[in-house]
Amino acid sequence: MSDCIFCKIVKGEVSSYRIYENDKVLAFLDKNPTSPGHLLVIPKDHYENLEEISENFLAEVVKVVKIMGQKVKEKLNYPAYNVIQNNGKEAGQIIDHLHFHVLPRKSDDGLTFPSGQEVKEEDLQEIQNKLIR
């Protein structure tokens, strides 16, 4: 896709801090990180979301996510990391190119995620019935 910033990064038209690359996947530092070492892992081919990518290709991307998580822990001395994938603008996806965030974490980093909400038993059953059909 010609106007996709991530496709431009893959082609070398936009600079990036590349950390890992193979013929299918690229990992690079987020220029607007949530925490130092925040990485993005993308397929080099353009896929907008999880539904568009094949399961085999997705597995290749997730392998690199795992490698990047290990690097965050081993090389940057973080004890933990989050893997985040926003699928659709309503879920927070800003760039319409499938990507995974590898977000380094420390216990005192101040980052929080929304807590869950209480749901009635009958609502859980209704949702379950819709999803298993």
N, C-alpha and C. Protein backbone atom coordinates (compact mmCIF):
# COMPACT_ATOMS: atom_id res chain seq x y z
N MET A 1 0.85 -1.17 0.00
CA MET A 1 0.00 0.00 0.00
C MET A 1 0.90 1.24 0.00
N SER A 2 0.74 2.10 -0.96
CA SER A 2 1.69 3.18 -1.20
C SER A 2 1.74 4.25 -0.11
N ASP A 3 0.64 4.50 0.60
CA ASP A 3 0.65 5.54 1.62
C ASP A 3 0.83 5.01 3.04
N CYS A 4 1.07 3.73 3.19
CA CYS A 4 1.23 3.12 4.50
C CYS A 4 2.64 3.40 5.03
N ILE A 5 2.72 4.01 6.21
CA ILE A 5 4.02 4.36 6.80
C ILE A 5 4.86 3.11 7.07
N PHE A 6 4.23 2.02 7.48
CA PHE A 6 5.00 0.80 7.75
C PHE A 6 5.52 0.19 6.45
N CYS A 7 4.75 0.25 5.38
CA CYS A 7 5.24 -0.23 4.09
C CYS A 7 6.43 0.61 3.62
N LYS A 8 6.38 1.91 3.89
CA LYS A 8 7.49 2.80 3.55
C LYS A 8 8.72 2.47 4.38
N ILE A 9 8.53 2.10 5.64
CA ILE A 9 9.65 1.68 6.48
C ILE A 9 10.27 0.40 5.93
N VAL A 10 9.42 -0.56 5.55
CA VAL A 10 9.92 -1.82 4.97
C VAL A 10 10.77 -1.54 3.74
N LYS A 11 10.32 -0.62 2.88
CA LYS A 11 11.03 -0.30 1.63
C LYS A 11 12.25 0.59 1.85
N GLY A 12 12.42 1.10 3.06
CA GLY A 12 13.55 1.99 3.34
C GLY A 12 13.29 3.43 2.95
N GLU A 13 12.05 3.76 2.62
CA GLU A 13 11.69 5.13 2.23
C GLU A 13 11.56 6.04 3.46
N VAL A 14 11.33 5.45 4.62
CA VAL A 14 11.24 6.17 5.89
C VAL A 14 12.24 5.52 6.83
N SER A 15 13.01 6.33 7.53
CA SER A 15 14.03 5.77 8.41
C SER A 15 13.39 5.09 9.62
N SER A 16 14.12 4.12 10.14
CA SER A 16 13.68 3.41 11.34
C SER A 16 14.90 2.84 12.05
N TYR A 17 14.68 2.47 13.29
CA TYR A 17 15.72 1.82 14.08
C TYR A 17 15.43 0.34 14.08
N ARG A 18 15.93 -0.34 13.07
CA ARG A 18 15.66 -1.76 12.86
C ARG A 18 16.41 -2.60 13.89
N ILE A 19 15.70 -3.56 14.45
CA ILE A 19 16.29 -4.43 15.46
C ILE A 19 16.45 -5.84 14.93
N TYR A 20 15.50 -6.28 14.12
CA TYR A 20 15.51 -7.64 13.58
C TYR A 20 14.80 -7.62 12.24
N GLU A 21 15.32 -8.45 11.33
CA GLU A 21 14.69 -8.52 10.01
C GLU A 21 15.00 -9.86 9.37
N ASN A 22 14.00 -10.43 8.76
CA ASN A 22 14.20 -11.58 7.88
C ASN A 22 13.42 -11.31 6.61
N ASP A 23 13.25 -12.28 5.76
CA ASP A 23 12.58 -12.02 4.48
C ASP A 23 11.09 -11.73 4.62
N LYS A 24 10.48 -12.04 5.76
CA LYS A 24 9.03 -11.87 5.94
C LYS A 24 8.63 -10.87 7.02
N VAL A 25 9.51 -10.64 7.98
CA VAL A 25 9.12 -9.89 9.18
C VAL A 25 10.18 -8.84 9.51
N LEU A 26 9.71 -7.71 10.05
CA LEU A 26 10.60 -6.63 10.47
C LEU A 26 10.22 -6.21 11.89
N ALA A 27 11.22 -5.99 12.73
CA ALA A 27 11.01 -5.45 14.07
C ALA A 27 11.85 -4.19 14.20
N PHE A 28 11.24 -3.14 14.72
CA PHE A 28 11.93 -1.86 14.86
C PHE A 28 11.41 -1.12 16.09
N LEU A 29 12.21 -0.14 16.55
CA LEU A 29 11.84 0.64 17.72
C LEU A 29 10.70 1.60 17.36
N ASP A 30 9.74 1.72 18.27
CA ASP A 30 8.67 2.69 18.12
C ASP A 30 9.26 4.07 18.40
N LYS A 31 9.05 5.02 17.50
CA LYS A 31 9.59 6.38 17.68
C LYS A 31 8.82 7.18 18.71
N ASN A 32 7.66 6.71 19.12
CA ASN A 32 6.86 7.33 20.17
C ASN A 32 6.56 6.28 21.24
N PRO A 33 7.60 5.83 21.95
CA PRO A 33 7.44 4.67 22.83
C PRO A 33 6.63 4.93 24.09
N THR A 34 5.95 3.89 24.52
CA THR A 34 5.28 3.92 25.82
C THR A 34 6.31 3.73 26.93
N SER A 35 7.34 2.96 26.64
CA SER A 35 8.47 2.77 27.55
C SER A 35 9.73 2.59 26.71
N PRO A 36 10.91 2.87 27.26
CA PRO A 36 12.14 2.69 26.50
C PRO A 36 12.29 1.24 26.01
N GLY A 37 12.58 1.07 24.73
CA GLY A 37 12.71 -0.26 24.16
C GLY A 37 11.44 -0.78 23.54
N HIS A 38 10.38 0.02 23.51
CA HIS A 38 9.09 -0.35 22.90
C HIS A 38 9.34 -0.68 21.43
N LEU A 39 9.01 -1.91 21.06
CA LEU A 39 9.24 -2.41 19.70
C LEU A 39 7.94 -2.65 18.96
N LEU A 40 8.01 -2.55 17.65
CA LEU A 40 6.91 -2.93 16.77
C LEU A 40 7.39 -4.08 15.89
N VAL A 41 6.56 -5.09 15.75
CA VAL A 41 6.87 -6.23 14.89
C VAL A 41 5.79 -6.29 13.83
N ILE A 42 6.21 -6.28 12.56
CA ILE A 42 5.25 -6.24 11.45
C ILE A 42 5.60 -7.27 10.38
N PRO A 43 4.57 -7.76 9.67
CA PRO A 43 4.87 -8.52 8.46
C PRO A 43 5.33 -7.52 7.40
N LYS A 44 6.28 -7.89 6.57
CA LYS A 44 6.73 -6.99 5.52
C LYS A 44 5.66 -6.78 4.46
N ASP A 45 4.87 -7.78 4.20
CA ASP A 45 3.74 -7.62 3.29
C ASP A 45 2.63 -6.89 4.02
N HIS A 46 1.83 -6.14 3.27
CA HIS A 46 0.78 -5.35 3.89
C HIS A 46 -0.47 -6.20 4.16
N TYR A 47 -0.83 -6.26 5.42
CA TYR A 47 -2.08 -6.84 5.89
C TYR A 47 -2.65 -5.83 6.86
N GLU A 48 -3.92 -5.51 6.71
CA GLU A 48 -4.50 -4.51 7.60
C GLU A 48 -4.76 -5.06 8.99
N ASN A 49 -5.16 -6.33 9.09
CA ASN A 49 -5.55 -6.88 10.39
C ASN A 49 -5.32 -8.38 10.44
N LEU A 50 -5.66 -8.97 11.57
CA LEU A 50 -5.46 -10.41 11.78
C LEU A 50 -6.26 -11.27 10.81
N GLU A 51 -7.44 -10.81 10.41
CA GLU A 51 -8.27 -11.61 9.53
C GLU A 51 -7.67 -11.76 8.13
N GLU A 52 -6.83 -10.82 7.72
CA GLU A 52 -6.28 -10.84 6.37
C GLU A 52 -5.05 -11.73 6.21
N ILE A 53 -4.32 -11.97 7.27
CA ILE A 53 -3.06 -12.71 7.17
C ILE A 53 -3.32 -14.20 7.34
N SER A 54 -2.57 -15.02 6.60
CA SER A 54 -2.73 -16.47 6.75
C SER A 54 -2.19 -16.92 8.10
N GLU A 55 -2.69 -18.03 8.59
CA GLU A 55 -2.23 -18.55 9.88
C GLU A 55 -0.75 -18.89 9.84
N ASN A 56 -0.26 -19.44 8.73
CA ASN A 56 1.15 -19.79 8.63
C ASN A 56 2.04 -18.55 8.68
N PHE A 57 1.63 -17.50 7.97
CA PHE A 57 2.41 -16.27 7.97
C PHE A 57 2.34 -15.60 9.34
N LEU A 58 1.16 -15.62 9.96
CA LEU A 58 1.01 -15.07 11.30
C LEU A 58 1.94 -15.76 12.29
N ALA A 59 2.09 -17.07 12.14
CA ALA A 59 2.99 -17.82 13.02
C ALA A 59 4.43 -17.31 12.87
N GLU A 60 4.83 -16.94 11.67
CA GLU A 60 6.17 -16.40 11.46
C GLU A 60 6.34 -15.06 12.18
N VAL A 61 5.30 -14.23 12.13
CA VAL A 61 5.34 -12.94 12.81
C VAL A 61 5.42 -13.14 14.32
N VAL A 62 4.62 -14.06 14.84
CA VAL A 62 4.60 -14.29 16.29
C VAL A 62 5.93 -14.87 16.77
N LYS A 63 6.60 -15.65 15.95
CA LYS A 63 7.93 -16.15 16.32
C LYS A 63 8.88 -14.98 16.57
N VAL A 64 8.79 -13.95 15.74
CA VAL A 64 9.66 -12.78 15.92
C VAL A 64 9.22 -11.98 17.15
N VAL A 65 7.92 -11.92 17.42
CA VAL A 65 7.45 -11.28 18.65
C VAL A 65 8.11 -11.94 19.86
N LYS A 66 8.15 -13.26 19.85
CA LYS A 66 8.77 -14.00 20.96
C LYS A 66 10.26 -13.67 21.07
N ILE A 67 10.96 -13.65 19.95
CA ILE A 67 12.39 -13.32 19.96
C ILE A 67 12.62 -11.92 20.51
N MET A 68 11.77 -10.97 20.11
CA MET A 68 11.91 -9.59 20.60
C MET A 68 11.63 -9.50 22.09
N GLY A 69 10.65 -10.24 22.57
CA GLY A 69 10.38 -10.28 24.01
C GLY A 69 11.58 -10.79 24.79
N GLN A 70 12.21 -11.83 24.26
CA GLN A 70 13.40 -12.36 24.91
C GLN A 70 14.53 -11.34 24.92
N LYS A 71 14.69 -10.61 23.81
CA LYS A 71 15.74 -9.59 23.74
C LYS A 71 15.49 -8.46 24.74
N VAL A 72 14.23 -8.04 24.88
CA VAL A 72 13.87 -7.00 25.84
C VAL A 72 14.30 -7.41 27.25
N LYS A 73 14.04 -8.67 27.59
CA LYS A 73 14.40 -9.14 28.93
C LYS A 73 15.91 -9.30 29.09
N GLU A 74 16.56 -9.92 28.11
CA GLU A 74 17.98 -10.24 28.23
C GLU A 74 18.89 -9.05 28.00
N LYS A 75 18.61 -8.24 26.99
CA LYS A 75 19.53 -7.17 26.60
C LYS A 75 19.22 -5.83 27.28
N LEU A 76 17.95 -5.60 27.59
CA LEU A 76 17.57 -4.33 28.22
C LEU A 76 17.26 -4.49 29.71
N ASN A 77 17.36 -5.70 30.21
CA ASN A 77 17.17 -6.00 31.63
C ASN A 77 15.78 -5.64 32.17
N TYR A 78 14.76 -5.85 31.36
CA TYR A 78 13.39 -5.72 31.84
C TYR A 78 12.93 -7.08 32.34
N PRO A 79 12.20 -7.13 33.44
CA PRO A 79 11.73 -8.41 33.95
C PRO A 79 10.52 -8.96 33.20
N ALA A 80 9.84 -8.09 32.43
CA ALA A 80 8.60 -8.52 31.80
C ALA A 80 8.30 -7.63 30.59
N TYR A 81 7.29 -8.03 29.84
CA TYR A 81 6.83 -7.23 28.70
C TYR A 81 5.39 -7.61 28.38
N ASN A 82 4.69 -6.65 27.78
CA ASN A 82 3.36 -6.91 27.25
C ASN A 82 3.48 -7.08 25.75
N VAL A 83 2.63 -7.93 25.19
CA VAL A 83 2.46 -8.03 23.75
C VAL A 83 1.05 -7.52 23.48
N ILE A 84 0.96 -6.47 22.67
CA ILE A 84 -0.32 -5.84 22.39
C ILE A 84 -0.53 -5.79 20.89
N GLN A 85 -1.72 -6.16 20.47
CA GLN A 85 -2.09 -6.07 19.06
C GLN A 85 -3.49 -5.46 19.00
N ASN A 86 -3.58 -4.25 18.47
CA ASN A 86 -4.85 -3.57 18.33
C ASN A 86 -5.40 -3.89 16.94
N ASN A 87 -6.60 -4.43 16.90
CA ASN A 87 -7.17 -4.92 15.64
C ASN A 87 -8.41 -4.10 15.30
N GLY A 88 -8.22 -3.01 14.55
CA GLY A 88 -9.30 -2.11 14.18
C GLY A 88 -9.20 -0.80 14.92
N LYS A 89 -9.67 0.28 14.29
CA LYS A 89 -9.52 1.61 14.90
C LYS A 89 -10.24 1.72 16.23
N GLU A 90 -11.38 1.04 16.38
CA GLU A 90 -12.11 1.10 17.64
C GLU A 90 -11.33 0.43 18.78
N ALA A 91 -10.40 -0.42 18.43
CA ALA A 91 -9.56 -1.10 19.42
C ALA A 91 -8.24 -0.35 19.63
N GLY A 92 -8.08 0.78 18.96
CA GLY A 92 -6.87 1.58 19.15
C GLY A 92 -5.84 1.44 18.04
N GLN A 93 -6.15 0.72 16.96
CA GLN A 93 -5.20 0.59 15.85
C GLN A 93 -5.12 1.91 15.10
N ILE A 94 -3.94 2.51 15.07
CA ILE A 94 -3.74 3.80 14.42
C ILE A 94 -3.22 3.60 13.00
N ILE A 95 -2.27 2.71 12.83
CA ILE A 95 -1.70 2.41 11.52
C ILE A 95 -2.41 1.18 10.97
N ASP A 96 -2.97 1.30 9.77
CA ASP A 96 -3.71 0.18 9.17
C ASP A 96 -2.79 -0.83 8.51
N HIS A 97 -1.82 -1.29 9.28
CA HIS A 97 -0.89 -2.35 8.86
C HIS A 97 -0.73 -3.22 10.11
N LEU A 98 -1.03 -4.49 9.99
CA LEU A 98 -0.95 -5.39 11.13
C LEU A 98 0.39 -5.22 11.85
N HIS A 99 0.33 -5.04 13.16
CA HIS A 99 1.56 -4.92 13.94
C HIS A 99 1.32 -5.32 15.38
N PHE A 100 2.38 -5.76 15.99
CA PHE A 100 2.39 -6.14 17.40
C PHE A 100 3.33 -5.21 18.14
N HIS A 101 2.90 -4.75 19.30
CA HIS A 101 3.74 -3.96 20.19
C HIS A 101 4.39 -4.92 21.19
N VAL A 102 5.68 -4.79 21.38
CA VAL A 102 6.38 -5.48 22.46
C VAL A 102 6.79 -4.37 23.42
N LEU A 103 6.12 -4.35 24.56
CA LEU A 103 6.22 -3.23 25.49
C LEU A 103 6.96 -3.64 26.75
N PRO A 104 8.23 -3.21 26.90
CA PRO A 104 9.01 -3.55 28.10
C PRO A 104 8.33 -3.02 29.35
N ARG A 105 8.39 -3.81 30.42
CA ARG A 105 7.71 -3.44 31.67
C ARG A 105 8.60 -3.67 32.88
N LYS A 106 8.45 -2.76 33.84
CA LYS A 106 9.02 -2.88 35.18
C LYS A 106 7.89 -2.68 36.17
N SER A 107 8.04 -3.19 37.37
CA SER A 107 6.96 -3.11 38.35
C SER A 107 6.62 -1.68 38.73
N ASP A 108 7.55 -0.77 38.63
CA ASP A 108 7.31 0.61 39.05
C ASP A 108 7.21 1.58 37.87
N ASP A 109 6.82 1.09 36.69
CA ASP A 109 6.82 1.95 35.50
C ASP A 109 5.61 2.87 35.40
N GLY A 110 4.60 2.68 36.25
CA GLY A 110 3.44 3.55 36.25
C GLY A 110 2.42 3.29 35.16
N LEU A 111 2.67 2.31 34.31
CA LEU A 111 1.73 2.00 33.24
C LEU A 111 0.59 1.15 33.80
N THR A 112 -0.61 1.46 33.41
CA THR A 112 -1.77 0.69 33.85
C THR A 112 -2.67 0.37 32.67
N PHE A 113 -3.45 -0.66 32.82
CA PHE A 113 -4.43 -1.04 31.83
C PHE A 113 -5.79 -1.00 32.50
N PRO A 114 -6.84 -0.76 31.73
CA PRO A 114 -8.18 -0.72 32.34
C PRO A 114 -8.49 -2.04 33.05
N SER A 115 -9.13 -1.92 34.19
CA SER A 115 -9.52 -3.14 34.91
C SER A 115 -10.82 -3.66 34.32
N GLY A 116 -11.08 -4.93 34.56
CA GLY A 116 -12.28 -5.57 34.03
C GLY A 116 -13.54 -5.04 34.69
N GLN A 117 -14.66 -5.35 34.07
CA GLN A 117 -15.94 -4.94 34.62
C GLN A 117 -16.74 -6.17 35.00
N GLU A 118 -17.59 -6.01 35.97
CA GLU A 118 -18.41 -7.12 36.42
C GLU A 118 -19.54 -7.35 35.42
N VAL A 119 -19.79 -8.62 35.11
CA VAL A 119 -20.82 -9.00 34.15
C VAL A 119 -21.74 -10.02 34.81
N LYS A 120 -23.03 -9.87 34.56
CA LYS A 120 -24.00 -10.82 35.12
C LYS A 120 -23.86 -12.19 34.46
N GLU A 121 -24.17 -13.22 35.25
CA GLU A 121 -24.06 -14.60 34.79
C GLU A 121 -24.87 -14.82 33.50
N GLU A 122 -26.08 -14.29 33.45
CA GLU A 122 -26.93 -14.50 32.26
C GLU A 122 -26.35 -13.81 31.02
N ASP A 123 -25.66 -12.69 31.22
CA ASP A 123 -25.02 -12.02 30.09
C ASP A 123 -23.83 -12.84 29.57
N LEU A 124 -23.08 -13.43 30.50
CA LEU A 124 -21.98 -14.31 30.09
C LEU A 124 -22.50 -15.50 29.30
N GLN A 125 -23.60 -16.08 29.76
CA GLN A 125 -24.18 -17.22 29.05
C GLN A 125 -24.67 -16.82 27.66
N GLU A 126 -25.27 -15.66 27.55
CA GLU A 126 -25.76 -15.18 26.25
C GLU A 126 -24.60 -14.97 25.28
N ILE A 127 -23.53 -14.36 25.76
CA ILE A 127 -22.35 -14.15 24.92
C ILE A 127 -21.74 -15.48 24.51
N GLN A 128 -21.64 -16.40 25.46
CA GLN A 128 -21.10 -17.72 25.16
C GLN A 128 -21.92 -18.39 24.05
N ASN A 129 -23.24 -18.36 24.18
CA ASN A 129 -24.11 -18.98 23.18
C ASN A 129 -23.91 -18.38 21.79
N LYS A 130 -23.74 -17.09 21.71
CA LYS A 130 -23.52 -16.43 20.42
C LYS A 130 -22.18 -16.84 19.80
N LEU A 131 -21.17 -16.95 20.65
CA LEU A 131 -19.82 -17.23 20.14
C LEU A 131 -19.62 -18.69 19.75
N ILE A 132 -20.34 -19.61 20.36
CA ILE A 132 -20.08 -21.03 20.05
C ILE A 132 -20.96 -21.54 18.91
N ARG A 133 -21.87 -20.76 18.44
CA ARG A 133 -22.73 -21.18 17.31
C ARG A 133 -22.06 -20.98 15.99
